């Protein structure tokens, strides 16, 4: 049965008002507006959502892992039940192809189920136990036990470039709910219908599982007012954000300047440098260049892991590499981007690079569809290494199908370029075994610059798994110690709590002496599943 999209926020189980400022979804493919009209949440609705979340936390934060796992699996099942309607609406709002959206829906449901497994098993709480030693001299040792507990109501900002996997039921929401935190989602205005459909699914799942209504709320806004209010609300305890550096930095500043500063986990800007080392360039540089074209134009270059910089040693292999890239870009058709705003920003950055003498335009692709409101052209620029080193702004993210080629003369120059980089999500190396042995110092530099290093592949495409790290030093992320993808993401929304000299009946099940959940725990410094 199809869900009716009404254009209202959800404040727990309650529908939002329709008095707020209104906006509509706009098709990036045609420029046409879509029904229905959406209404921005008001200050009273923001406050009510936060209050309901705080009330729900008293129950949901203490819910057993198996119950939270059931909730996450219910959301995944219900998303799959409306797959056709969801993919159709998301396609209209984003112009993303059906295959991409179906894959993203599969990823969204998969990560919900992954977190369900994590919390059902339970060892993620990192239970640690130091048993009492009453006869220890000169002072007795108390019984001390600790574990991770949920942090409180979490605000999640939906991302423009992933309407499912980084949006209402995306990774931030899944990890926060898994840890035991109620979630308030600020929907992205680029795909509000898609967001409301997913919001219906989560709200219905809350009711099906018998949870407090404040476990989930969804708020709409076409501007910045709702997001600002949420980040500053005294009952909100953490924020997850994926978006532009300008917006992310502004919200980050609000979060840390509150009377009670809160964690702000922002993923903001990354150019994801790629290094083609001499042996690899000589052996198969043309193939690498062809595959690189596919990577930096994937999704119209709107992936956060899009490689935007490529370093290749000067000489014949570089000339061949460059020629292949120029040929691929020149023959490319135009792209439809996600929104007119993103398209406009991409165009301004491209025009600035063309007008300046710092870079040279090597190739331009074909134009997009004439009826599209958000069309863009693939672009290949070049700058020598000395120019790159003298103009650090060339390393900034250019969100869209654009690539900067940087030929370098010596290994020392390459190392200087790598050392000059700010933080990124990824770095990629293409190299032979000999290249890797000769460039161990490059790898050491990159370990300080990024969260994920890719070898002889491409960074676009992020596997959702337990070992994945999707984060990096600033400005890629506001906290390089965390990840927004993979099961490690759960640790962003939890904090350690220590219990000293507590009787068993007053301890959480995870810390009780008989270990009723059969968890792996650290007991007196050693892993154990035995009673303690």
Protein backbone atom coordinates (compact mmCIF):
# COMPACT_ATOMS: atom_id res chain seq x y z
CA UNK A 1 0.00 0.00 0.00
CA UNK A 2 1.40 3.37 -1.04
CA UNK A 3 2.17 5.99 1.60
CA UNK A 4 0.62 9.43 1.10
CA UNK A 5 3.18 12.24 1.25
CA UNK A 6 1.63 15.17 3.13
CA UNK A 7 4.50 17.66 3.50
CA UNK A 8 4.46 17.79 7.29
CA UNK A 9 7.07 17.23 9.94
CA UNK A 10 6.74 14.34 12.40
CA UNK A 11 7.12 15.28 16.06
CA UNK A 12 7.12 11.85 17.61
CA UNK A 13 3.77 10.31 16.64
CA UNK A 14 2.23 13.75 15.98
CA UNK A 15 1.93 15.50 12.63
CA UNK A 16 3.51 18.91 12.30
CA UNK A 17 1.59 22.08 11.56
CA UNK A 18 1.16 23.62 8.12
CA UNK A 19 1.57 27.27 9.14
CA UNK A 20 5.33 27.47 8.59
CA UNK A 21 7.08 28.76 5.49
CA UNK A 22 6.60 26.41 2.55
CA UNK A 23 8.74 24.94 -0.20
CA UNK A 24 8.56 22.19 -2.82
CA UNK A 25 10.90 19.59 -4.22
CA UNK A 26 12.36 20.57 -7.61
CA UNK A 27 13.32 18.04 -10.27
CA UNK A 28 16.99 18.59 -11.19
CA UNK A 29 16.30 16.91 -14.53
CA UNK A 30 13.48 19.20 -15.66
CA UNK A 31 13.29 22.08 -13.20
CA UNK A 32 9.64 21.27 -12.48
CA UNK A 33 8.25 21.58 -8.96
CA UNK A 34 6.58 18.58 -7.34
CA UNK A 35 3.62 18.02 -5.09
CA UNK A 36 3.03 18.34 -2.26
CA UNK A 37 4.01 21.58 -0.58
CA UNK A 38 6.26 21.05 2.45
CA UNK A 39 6.07 23.17 5.58
CA UNK A 40 9.00 24.20 7.74
CA UNK A 41 8.85 23.30 11.41
CA UNK A 42 8.36 26.10 13.90
CA UNK A 43 10.26 26.82 17.10
CA UNK A 44 7.56 25.17 19.24
CA UNK A 45 7.80 21.98 17.17
CA UNK A 46 11.59 21.94 17.48
CA UNK A 47 11.27 22.29 21.24
CA UNK A 48 8.59 19.59 21.47
CA UNK A 49 10.71 17.16 19.43
CA UNK A 50 13.64 17.71 21.81
CA UNK A 51 11.45 17.29 24.90
CA UNK A 52 9.90 14.08 23.59
CA UNK A 53 13.38 12.76 22.73
CA UNK A 54 14.64 13.49 26.24
CA UNK A 55 11.63 11.73 27.76
CA UNK A 56 12.08 8.75 25.45
CA UNK A 57 15.76 8.48 26.34
CA UNK A 58 14.91 7.43 29.90
CA UNK A 59 13.32 4.30 28.43
CA UNK A 60 15.07 3.72 25.12
CA UNK A 61 18.54 4.35 26.53
CA UNK A 62 18.04 1.44 28.93
CA UNK A 63 16.42 -0.90 26.43
CA UNK A 64 18.05 -4.30 25.98
CA UNK A 65 20.21 -4.74 22.90
CA UNK A 66 17.88 -7.41 21.51
CA UNK A 67 14.96 -4.99 21.63
CA UNK A 68 16.91 -2.29 19.81
CA UNK A 69 18.00 -4.90 17.25
CA UNK A 70 14.36 -5.80 16.63
CA UNK A 71 13.57 -2.11 16.04
CA UNK A 72 16.41 -1.69 13.52
CA UNK A 73 15.38 -4.82 11.63
CA UNK A 74 11.79 -3.62 11.57
CA UNK A 75 12.86 -0.38 9.92
CA UNK A 76 14.85 -2.31 7.30
CA UNK A 77 11.93 -4.64 6.56
CA UNK A 78 9.47 -1.78 6.21
CA UNK A 79 11.83 0.14 3.90
CA UNK A 80 12.01 -2.87 1.61
CA UNK A 81 8.21 -3.07 1.59
CA UNK A 82 7.95 0.40 0.03
CA UNK A 83 10.99 0.02 -2.24
CA UNK A 84 9.11 0.79 -5.47
CA UNK A 85 7.53 3.99 -4.19
CA UNK A 86 10.76 5.05 -2.50
CA UNK A 87 12.95 4.55 -5.57
CA UNK A 88 10.42 6.28 -7.84
CA UNK A 89 10.17 9.38 -5.63
CA UNK A 90 13.92 9.55 -4.97
CA UNK A 91 14.59 9.30 -8.70
CA UNK A 92 12.32 12.26 -9.42
CA UNK A 93 13.84 14.37 -6.65
CA UNK A 94 17.52 13.61 -7.37
CA UNK A 95 17.74 12.46 -11.03
CA UNK A 96 19.85 9.54 -9.78
CA UNK A 97 19.42 6.36 -11.86
CA UNK A 98 17.20 3.55 -10.62
CA UNK A 99 20.07 1.07 -10.27
CA UNK A 100 22.01 3.50 -8.07
CA UNK A 101 18.98 4.13 -5.86
CA UNK A 102 18.18 0.44 -5.49
CA UNK A 103 21.77 -0.20 -4.52
CA UNK A 104 21.64 2.64 -2.01
CA UNK A 105 18.44 1.26 -0.52
CA UNK A 106 20.13 -2.12 -0.15
CA UNK A 107 23.07 -0.45 1.58
CA UNK A 108 20.72 1.44 3.92
CA UNK A 109 18.89 -1.73 4.95
CA UNK A 110 22.16 -3.62 5.19
CA UNK A 111 23.73 -1.16 7.61
CA UNK A 112 20.57 -1.18 9.76
CA UNK A 113 20.85 -4.96 10.00
CA UNK A 114 24.58 -4.78 10.66
CA UNK A 115 24.00 -2.52 13.67
CA UNK A 116 21.20 -4.85 14.79
CA UNK A 117 23.72 -7.70 14.91
CA UNK A 118 26.22 -5.54 16.80
CA UNK A 119 23.80 -4.51 19.55
CA UNK A 120 22.18 -7.94 19.77
CA UNK A 121 25.57 -9.56 20.42
CA UNK A 122 26.37 -6.76 22.86
CA UNK A 123 30.15 -6.75 23.29
CA UNK A 124 30.35 -3.31 21.64
CA UNK A 125 29.73 -1.78 25.10
CA UNK A 126 33.36 -2.62 25.98
CA UNK A 127 32.58 -3.87 29.47
CA UNK A 128 35.62 -3.73 31.77
CA UNK A 129 35.80 -5.21 35.22
CA UNK A 130 38.44 -4.87 37.91
CA UNK A 131 37.47 -7.14 40.78
CA UNK A 132 37.83 -6.10 44.39
CA UNK A 133 40.89 -7.05 46.43
CA UNK A 134 39.79 -6.36 50.02
CA UNK A 135 43.03 -7.74 51.49
CA UNK A 136 45.35 -5.66 49.31
CA UNK A 137 47.95 -3.65 51.25
CA UNK A 138 48.40 -0.86 52.06
CA UNK A 139 44.82 -0.10 50.85
CA UNK A 140 41.99 -2.35 49.74
CA UNK A 141 41.06 -2.30 46.05
CA UNK A 142 37.37 -1.61 45.32
CA UNK A 143 35.25 -3.44 42.74
CA UNK A 144 35.19 -1.22 39.62
CA UNK A 145 33.16 -1.87 36.48
CA UNK A 146 32.57 0.29 33.42
CA UNK A 147 30.80 0.18 30.06
CA UNK A 148 29.59 2.47 27.32
CA UNK A 149 26.14 4.02 27.69
CA UNK A 150 24.05 6.03 25.24
CA UNK A 151 24.73 9.77 25.25
CA UNK A 152 21.21 11.21 24.82
CA UNK A 153 19.08 12.79 22.07
CA UNK A 154 21.00 13.01 18.78
CA UNK A 155 20.33 15.35 15.85
CA UNK A 156 21.08 14.05 12.35
CA UNK A 157 21.27 16.23 9.23
CA UNK A 158 20.28 14.51 5.99
CA UNK A 159 22.83 14.74 3.16
CA UNK A 160 22.06 15.94 -0.36
CA UNK A 161 24.14 13.37 -2.26
CA UNK A 162 22.83 10.18 -0.64
CA UNK A 163 19.04 10.49 -0.22
CA UNK A 164 18.87 7.11 1.54
CA UNK A 165 22.22 5.92 2.90
CA UNK A 166 23.20 9.28 4.49
CA UNK A 167 19.74 10.59 5.16
CA UNK A 168 16.72 9.90 7.39
CA UNK A 169 17.49 6.21 8.03
CA UNK A 170 21.13 6.44 7.02
CA UNK A 171 24.32 5.60 8.87
CA UNK A 172 24.17 8.39 11.45
CA UNK A 173 20.60 7.52 12.39
CA UNK A 174 21.29 3.79 12.45
CA UNK A 175 24.38 4.09 14.66
CA UNK A 176 22.72 6.55 17.05
CA UNK A 177 19.59 4.38 17.42
CA UNK A 178 21.75 1.28 17.85
CA UNK A 179 23.63 2.88 20.74
CA UNK A 180 20.34 3.71 22.49
CA UNK A 181 19.79 7.34 21.53
CA UNK A 182 16.54 8.92 20.31
CA UNK A 183 17.07 10.71 16.99
CA UNK A 184 15.72 13.95 15.54
CA UNK A 185 16.39 14.20 11.80
CA UNK A 186 16.55 17.52 10.00
CA UNK A 187 15.52 16.47 6.46
CA UNK A 188 17.44 17.78 3.46
CA UNK A 189 15.22 20.10 1.38
CA UNK A 190 16.49 18.63 -1.90
CA UNK A 191 14.56 15.37 -1.43
CA UNK A 192 11.78 16.03 1.08
CA UNK A 193 9.33 13.49 -0.35
CA UNK A 194 11.90 10.73 -0.07
CA UNK A 195 12.64 11.86 3.47
CA UNK A 196 8.99 11.81 4.47
CA UNK A 197 8.51 8.29 3.09
CA UNK A 198 11.42 7.03 5.18
CA UNK A 199 10.14 9.03 8.15
CA UNK A 200 6.80 7.24 7.91
CA UNK A 201 8.65 3.91 8.00
CA UNK A 202 10.61 4.79 11.15
CA UNK A 203 7.60 6.27 12.93
CA UNK A 204 5.52 3.19 12.13
CA UNK A 205 8.40 0.98 13.33
CA UNK A 206 8.49 2.88 16.63
CA UNK A 207 4.80 2.12 17.10
CA UNK A 208 5.09 -1.51 15.99
CA UNK A 209 7.88 -2.12 18.51
CA UNK A 210 6.00 -0.38 21.34
CA UNK A 211 8.64 2.30 21.87
CA UNK A 212 8.15 5.83 23.25
CA UNK A 213 7.08 8.23 20.50
CA UNK A 214 10.05 10.54 21.08
CA UNK A 215 12.52 7.91 19.84
CA UNK A 216 12.17 9.52 16.40
CA UNK A 217 11.16 12.87 14.94
CA UNK A 218 11.56 14.33 11.44
CA UNK A 219 11.65 18.08 10.88
CA UNK A 220 11.50 19.97 7.58
CA UNK A 221 13.03 23.35 6.76
CA UNK A 222 14.09 24.93 3.49
CA UNK A 223 16.61 27.23 5.22
CA UNK A 224 18.83 27.13 8.32
CA UNK A 225 16.54 28.07 11.22
CA UNK A 226 15.53 24.56 12.32
CA UNK A 227 19.07 23.20 12.12
CA UNK A 228 20.42 26.11 14.15
CA UNK A 229 17.76 25.68 16.83
CA UNK A 230 18.39 21.95 17.09
CA UNK A 231 22.17 22.28 17.49
CA UNK A 232 21.69 24.89 20.21
CA UNK A 233 18.89 23.11 22.09
CA UNK A 234 19.91 22.27 25.64
CA UNK A 235 18.36 18.76 25.48
CA UNK A 236 20.36 17.72 22.39
CA UNK A 237 23.56 15.85 23.28
CA UNK A 238 25.29 15.19 19.91
CA UNK A 239 25.02 15.98 16.19
CA UNK A 240 25.78 14.00 13.03
CA UNK A 241 26.26 16.06 9.84
CA UNK A 242 27.24 15.42 6.23
CA UNK A 243 27.40 18.42 3.92
CA UNK A 244 29.37 21.45 2.83
CA UNK A 245 32.28 22.87 4.77
CA UNK A 246 30.61 26.28 5.07
CA UNK A 247 27.43 24.88 6.63
CA UNK A 248 29.25 22.27 8.69
CA UNK A 249 31.74 24.76 10.15
CA UNK A 250 28.94 27.15 11.12
CA UNK A 251 27.03 24.39 12.93
CA UNK A 252 30.22 23.03 14.50
CA UNK A 253 30.97 26.47 15.93
CA UNK A 254 27.46 26.64 17.40
CA UNK A 255 27.88 23.20 18.99
CA UNK A 256 31.17 23.99 20.73
CA UNK A 257 30.12 27.49 21.82
CA UNK A 258 27.05 26.32 23.71
CA UNK A 259 27.07 26.75 27.50
CA UNK A 260 27.29 22.94 27.48
CA UNK A 261 29.39 22.08 24.37
CA UNK A 262 28.37 18.87 22.61
CA UNK A 263 30.09 16.52 20.14
CA UNK A 264 29.58 17.52 16.50
CA UNK A 265 30.48 14.75 14.07
CA UNK A 266 30.72 16.55 10.76
CA UNK A 267 31.87 15.20 7.41
CA UNK A 268 32.47 18.28 5.31
CA UNK A 269 35.08 18.49 2.56
CA UNK A 270 37.56 16.12 0.94
CA UNK A 271 39.50 16.12 -2.34
CA UNK A 272 40.86 12.58 -1.92
CA UNK A 273 44.30 12.76 -3.60
CA UNK A 274 45.41 9.94 -5.87
CA UNK A 275 49.09 9.11 -6.51
CA UNK A 276 50.21 7.18 -9.59
CA UNK A 277 53.78 6.06 -8.85
CA UNK A 278 56.35 5.62 -11.64
CA UNK A 279 56.25 1.84 -12.00
CA UNK A 280 52.47 1.73 -12.18
CA UNK A 281 52.35 4.68 -14.60
CA UNK A 282 54.82 2.97 -16.95
CA UNK A 283 53.15 -0.45 -16.75
CA UNK A 284 49.49 0.47 -17.08
CA UNK A 285 49.05 4.22 -16.84
CA UNK A 286 46.46 4.40 -19.63
CA UNK A 287 44.21 1.87 -17.89
CA UNK A 288 44.53 3.72 -14.59
CA UNK A 289 43.62 6.97 -16.34
CA UNK A 290 40.55 5.43 -17.95
CA UNK A 291 39.37 3.98 -14.65
CA UNK A 292 40.12 7.26 -12.89
CA UNK A 293 37.79 9.04 -15.31
CA UNK A 294 35.02 6.65 -14.26
CA UNK A 295 35.76 7.32 -10.60
CA UNK A 296 35.86 11.11 -10.61
CA UNK A 297 32.70 11.39 -12.75
CA UNK A 298 30.74 8.70 -10.89
CA UNK A 299 27.47 10.20 -9.74
CA UNK A 300 28.44 13.44 -11.54
CA UNK A 301 31.42 13.76 -9.19
CA UNK A 302 29.14 14.20 -6.19
CA UNK A 303 30.59 11.43 -4.02
CA UNK A 304 32.40 12.58 -0.87
CA UNK A 305 35.18 10.14 -1.84
CA UNK A 306 35.59 11.44 -5.39
CA UNK A 307 39.30 11.73 -6.32
CA UNK A 308 39.86 15.40 -7.18
CA UNK A 309 43.67 15.51 -7.35
CA UNK A 310 46.00 13.15 -9.21
CA UNK A 311 49.81 13.25 -8.96
CA UNK A 312 51.88 11.66 -11.77
CA UNK A 313 55.63 11.93 -12.40
CA UNK A 314 56.59 14.04 -15.41
CA UNK A 315 57.72 12.27 -18.60
CA UNK A 316 56.28 9.96 -21.24
CA UNK A 317 54.05 7.91 -18.91
CA UNK A 318 52.49 11.16 -17.63
CA UNK A 319 51.94 12.37 -21.20
CA UNK A 320 50.17 9.13 -22.09
CA UNK A 321 48.19 9.26 -18.84
CA UNK A 322 47.12 12.83 -19.56
CA UNK A 323 46.18 12.03 -23.16
CA UNK A 324 43.87 9.25 -22.04
CA UNK A 325 42.19 11.49 -19.51
CA UNK A 326 41.77 14.28 -22.08
CA UNK A 327 40.20 11.86 -24.54
CA UNK A 328 37.77 10.47 -21.96
CA UNK A 329 36.73 13.90 -20.70
CA UNK A 330 36.38 15.44 -24.17
CA UNK A 331 34.04 12.66 -25.29
CA UNK A 332 31.92 12.74 -22.13
CA UNK A 333 28.27 13.64 -22.23
CA UNK A 334 26.92 16.18 -19.77
CA UNK A 335 25.77 15.33 -16.26
CA UNK A 336 22.67 16.17 -14.26
CA UNK A 337 23.62 17.22 -10.75
CA UNK A 338 21.55 16.94 -7.60
CA UNK A 339 20.38 20.53 -7.24
CA UNK A 340 20.57 23.87 -9.02
CA UNK A 341 22.50 25.22 -6.04
CA UNK A 342 25.21 22.56 -6.29
CA UNK A 343 25.39 23.16 -10.05
CA UNK A 344 25.80 26.90 -9.55
CA UNK A 345 28.58 26.41 -7.00
CA UNK A 346 30.37 23.97 -9.32
CA UNK A 347 30.12 26.45 -12.17
CA UNK A 348 31.53 29.32 -10.11
CA UNK A 349 34.53 27.27 -9.01
CA UNK A 350 35.14 26.07 -12.58
CA UNK A 351 34.95 29.60 -13.97
CA UNK A 352 37.41 30.82 -11.35
CA UNK A 353 39.91 28.09 -12.26
CA UNK A 354 39.56 28.87 -15.97
CA UNK A 355 40.12 32.58 -15.46
CA UNK A 356 43.19 32.24 -13.25
CA UNK A 357 46.68 31.54 -14.52
CA UNK A 358 47.34 29.00 -11.75
CA UNK A 359 45.68 26.16 -13.65
CA UNK A 360 45.26 25.17 -17.30
CA UNK A 361 42.06 23.68 -18.69
CA UNK A 362 43.09 20.51 -20.55
CA UNK A 363 39.68 19.18 -21.57
CA UNK A 364 35.98 19.90 -21.32
CA UNK A 365 33.15 17.46 -21.85
CA UNK A 366 29.81 17.92 -23.54
CA UNK A 367 26.95 19.93 -22.12
CA UNK A 368 24.08 18.40 -20.20
CA UNK A 369 20.47 18.21 -21.26
CA UNK A 370 19.12 21.61 -22.27
CA UNK A 371 15.93 21.13 -20.24
CA UNK A 372 17.78 20.18 -17.05
CA UNK A 373 17.94 22.75 -14.27
CA UNK A 374 21.13 21.24 -12.88
CA UNK A 375 23.42 20.24 -15.75
CA UNK A 376 27.21 20.20 -15.61
CA UNK A 377 30.21 19.41 -17.81
CA UNK A 378 33.21 17.22 -16.99
CA UNK A 379 36.42 19.24 -16.61
CA UNK A 380 40.13 18.34 -16.53
CA UNK A 381 42.59 20.94 -15.23
CA UNK A 382 46.36 20.83 -14.71
CA UNK A 383 48.90 22.65 -12.56
CA UNK A 384 52.56 21.87 -11.98
CA UNK A 385 53.72 20.85 -8.53
CA UNK A 386 55.39 24.17 -7.71
CA UNK A 387 52.17 26.03 -8.51
CA UNK A 388 50.20 23.58 -6.37
CA UNK A 389 52.57 24.10 -3.46
CA UNK A 390 52.29 27.87 -3.76
CA UNK A 391 48.50 27.91 -3.92
CA UNK A 392 46.99 25.73 -1.18
CA UNK A 393 43.45 26.62 -2.30
CA UNK A 394 43.99 24.25 -5.25
CA UNK A 395 43.63 21.36 -2.81
CA UNK A 396 40.13 22.44 -1.77
CA UNK A 397 37.14 20.32 -2.72
CA UNK A 398 35.54 20.96 -6.12
CA UNK A 399 32.23 19.12 -5.72
CA UNK A 400 31.31 17.81 -9.15
CA UNK A 401 32.91 16.13 -12.22
CA UNK A 402 36.24 17.96 -12.07
CA UNK A 403 39.83 16.70 -11.72
CA UNK A 404 43.17 18.50 -11.24
CA UNK A 405 46.25 16.77 -12.73
CA UNK A 406 49.54 17.64 -11.00
CA UNK A 407 52.74 16.44 -12.73
CA UNK A 408 55.74 16.39 -10.37
CA UNK A 409 59.45 16.41 -11.24
CA UNK A 410 61.14 14.60 -8.33
CA UNK A 411 60.26 12.37 -5.45
CA UNK A 412 61.11 15.19 -3.06
CA UNK A 413 58.58 17.40 -4.80
CA UNK A 414 55.97 14.63 -4.48
CA UNK A 415 56.64 14.33 -0.76
CA UNK A 416 56.36 18.08 -0.34
CA UNK A 417 52.99 18.04 -2.10
CA UNK A 418 51.76 15.20 0.11
CA UNK A 419 52.99 16.97 3.25
CA UNK A 420 51.17 20.16 2.25
CA UNK A 421 47.77 18.47 2.12
CA UNK A 422 45.13 19.15 4.74
CA UNK A 423 42.87 16.36 5.99
CA UNK A 424 40.95 14.15 3.56
CA UNK A 425 38.73 11.11 3.80
CA UNK A 426 40.90 9.00 1.51
CA UNK A 427 44.19 8.83 -0.34
CA UNK A 428 44.86 6.37 -3.15
CA UNK A 429 48.16 4.90 -4.32
CA UNK A 430 48.67 3.08 -7.60
CA UNK A 431 52.00 1.35 -7.49
CA UNK A 432 53.97 -1.83 -8.08
CA UNK A 433 55.64 -3.69 -5.20
CA UNK A 434 58.86 -1.86 -6.14
CA UNK A 435 57.01 1.48 -6.04
CA UNK A 436 55.74 0.73 -2.58
CA UNK A 437 59.18 -0.19 -1.26
CA UNK A 438 60.66 2.98 -2.74
CA UNK A 439 57.88 5.21 -1.39
CA UNK A 440 57.37 4.00 2.15
CA UNK A 441 57.85 7.60 3.29
CA UNK A 442 54.88 8.69 1.16
CA UNK A 443 52.68 6.13 2.91
CA UNK A 444 53.84 7.41 6.30
CA UNK A 445 52.82 10.95 5.35
CA UNK A 446 49.41 9.86 4.06
CA UNK A 447 48.68 8.00 7.30
CA UNK A 448 48.65 11.42 8.99
CA UNK A 449 46.40 13.00 6.35
CA UNK A 450 43.50 10.60 5.77
CA UNK A 451 41.27 7.97 7.35
CA UNK A 452 41.46 5.38 4.54
CA UNK A 453 44.32 4.55 2.17
CA UNK A 454 43.39 2.65 -1.00
CA UNK A 455 45.90 0.62 -3.01
CA UNK A 456 45.52 -0.05 -6.76
CA UNK A 457 41.78 0.60 -6.71
CA UNK A 458 39.64 3.75 -6.45
CA UNK A 459 38.09 5.40 -3.38
CA UNK A 460 34.55 5.83 -4.73
CA UNK A 461 32.46 3.08 -3.20
CA UNK A 462 32.57 2.67 0.57
CA UNK A 463 32.08 -0.84 1.91
CA UNK A 464 29.78 -0.96 4.94
CA UNK A 465 31.59 -3.33 7.27
CA UNK A 466 33.23 -3.57 10.67
CA UNK A 467 36.70 -2.41 9.57
CA UNK A 468 35.67 0.58 7.45
CA UNK A 469 36.86 4.08 8.37
CA UNK A 470 34.98 6.92 6.70
CA UNK A 471 36.46 9.99 8.29
CA UNK A 472 39.72 11.88 8.39
CA UNK A 473 41.56 14.90 9.77
CA UNK A 474 39.91 18.32 9.50
CA UNK A 475 38.25 19.53 7.28
CA UNK A 476 37.25 16.06 6.06
CA UNK A 477 35.80 15.46 9.53
CA UNK A 478 35.47 17.48 12.70
CA UNK A 479 36.76 14.51 14.72
CA UNK A 480 39.35 12.31 13.00
CA UNK A 481 39.03 9.66 15.72
CA UNK A 482 35.64 8.57 14.40
CA UNK A 483 33.96 7.11 11.32
CA UNK A 484 30.51 7.71 9.84
CA UNK A 485 30.40 4.32 8.08
CA UNK A 486 30.84 0.85 9.58
CA UNK A 487 30.11 -0.57 13.00
CA UNK A 488 32.75 1.64 14.67
CA UNK A 489 30.34 4.55 14.09
CA UNK A 490 28.34 3.44 17.13
CA UNK A 491 31.07 4.75 19.42
CA UNK A 492 30.37 8.37 18.45
CA UNK A 493 27.10 8.30 20.32
CA UNK A 494 28.15 6.63 23.57
CA UNK A 495 30.23 7.51 26.63
CA UNK A 496 31.85 5.43 29.38
CA UNK A 497 30.18 5.16 32.79
CA UNK A 498 31.94 3.60 35.76
CA UNK A 499 30.23 1.77 38.67
CA UNK A 500 32.22 1.34 41.90
CA UNK A 501 31.27 -1.12 44.65
CA UNK A 502 27.77 -1.73 43.24
CA UNK A 503 25.73 -4.80 44.23
CA UNK A 504 24.77 -7.09 41.38
CA UNK A 505 21.08 -6.18 41.38
CA UNK A 506 21.94 -2.51 40.77
CA UNK A 507 24.31 -3.16 37.85
CA UNK A 508 23.40 -3.25 34.15
CA UNK A 509 23.19 -6.80 32.81
CA UNK A 510 26.39 -6.22 30.84
CA UNK A 511 28.36 -5.84 34.08
CA UNK A 512 26.71 -8.39 36.35
CA UNK A 513 28.92 -10.99 37.94
CA UNK A 514 27.32 -14.03 36.26
CA UNK A 515 27.58 -12.37 32.81
CA UNK A 516 23.97 -13.23 31.85
CA UNK A 517 24.44 -11.88 28.32
CA UNK A 518 27.58 -14.01 27.79
CA UNK A 519 29.55 -11.01 26.56
CA UNK A 520 33.26 -10.80 25.97
CA UNK A 521 34.52 -8.51 28.75
CA UNK A 522 37.91 -7.33 29.96
CA UNK A 523 38.26 -8.83 33.43
CA UNK A 524 41.32 -7.81 35.41
CA UNK A 525 42.96 -6.81 32.13
CA UNK A 526 42.20 -10.00 30.17
CA UNK A 527 39.39 -10.92 27.71
CA UNK A 528 36.90 -13.31 29.26
CA UNK A 529 33.32 -14.55 29.02
CA UNK A 530 33.42 -16.16 32.45
CA UNK A 531 31.52 -14.90 35.52
CA UNK A 532 33.37 -12.10 37.27
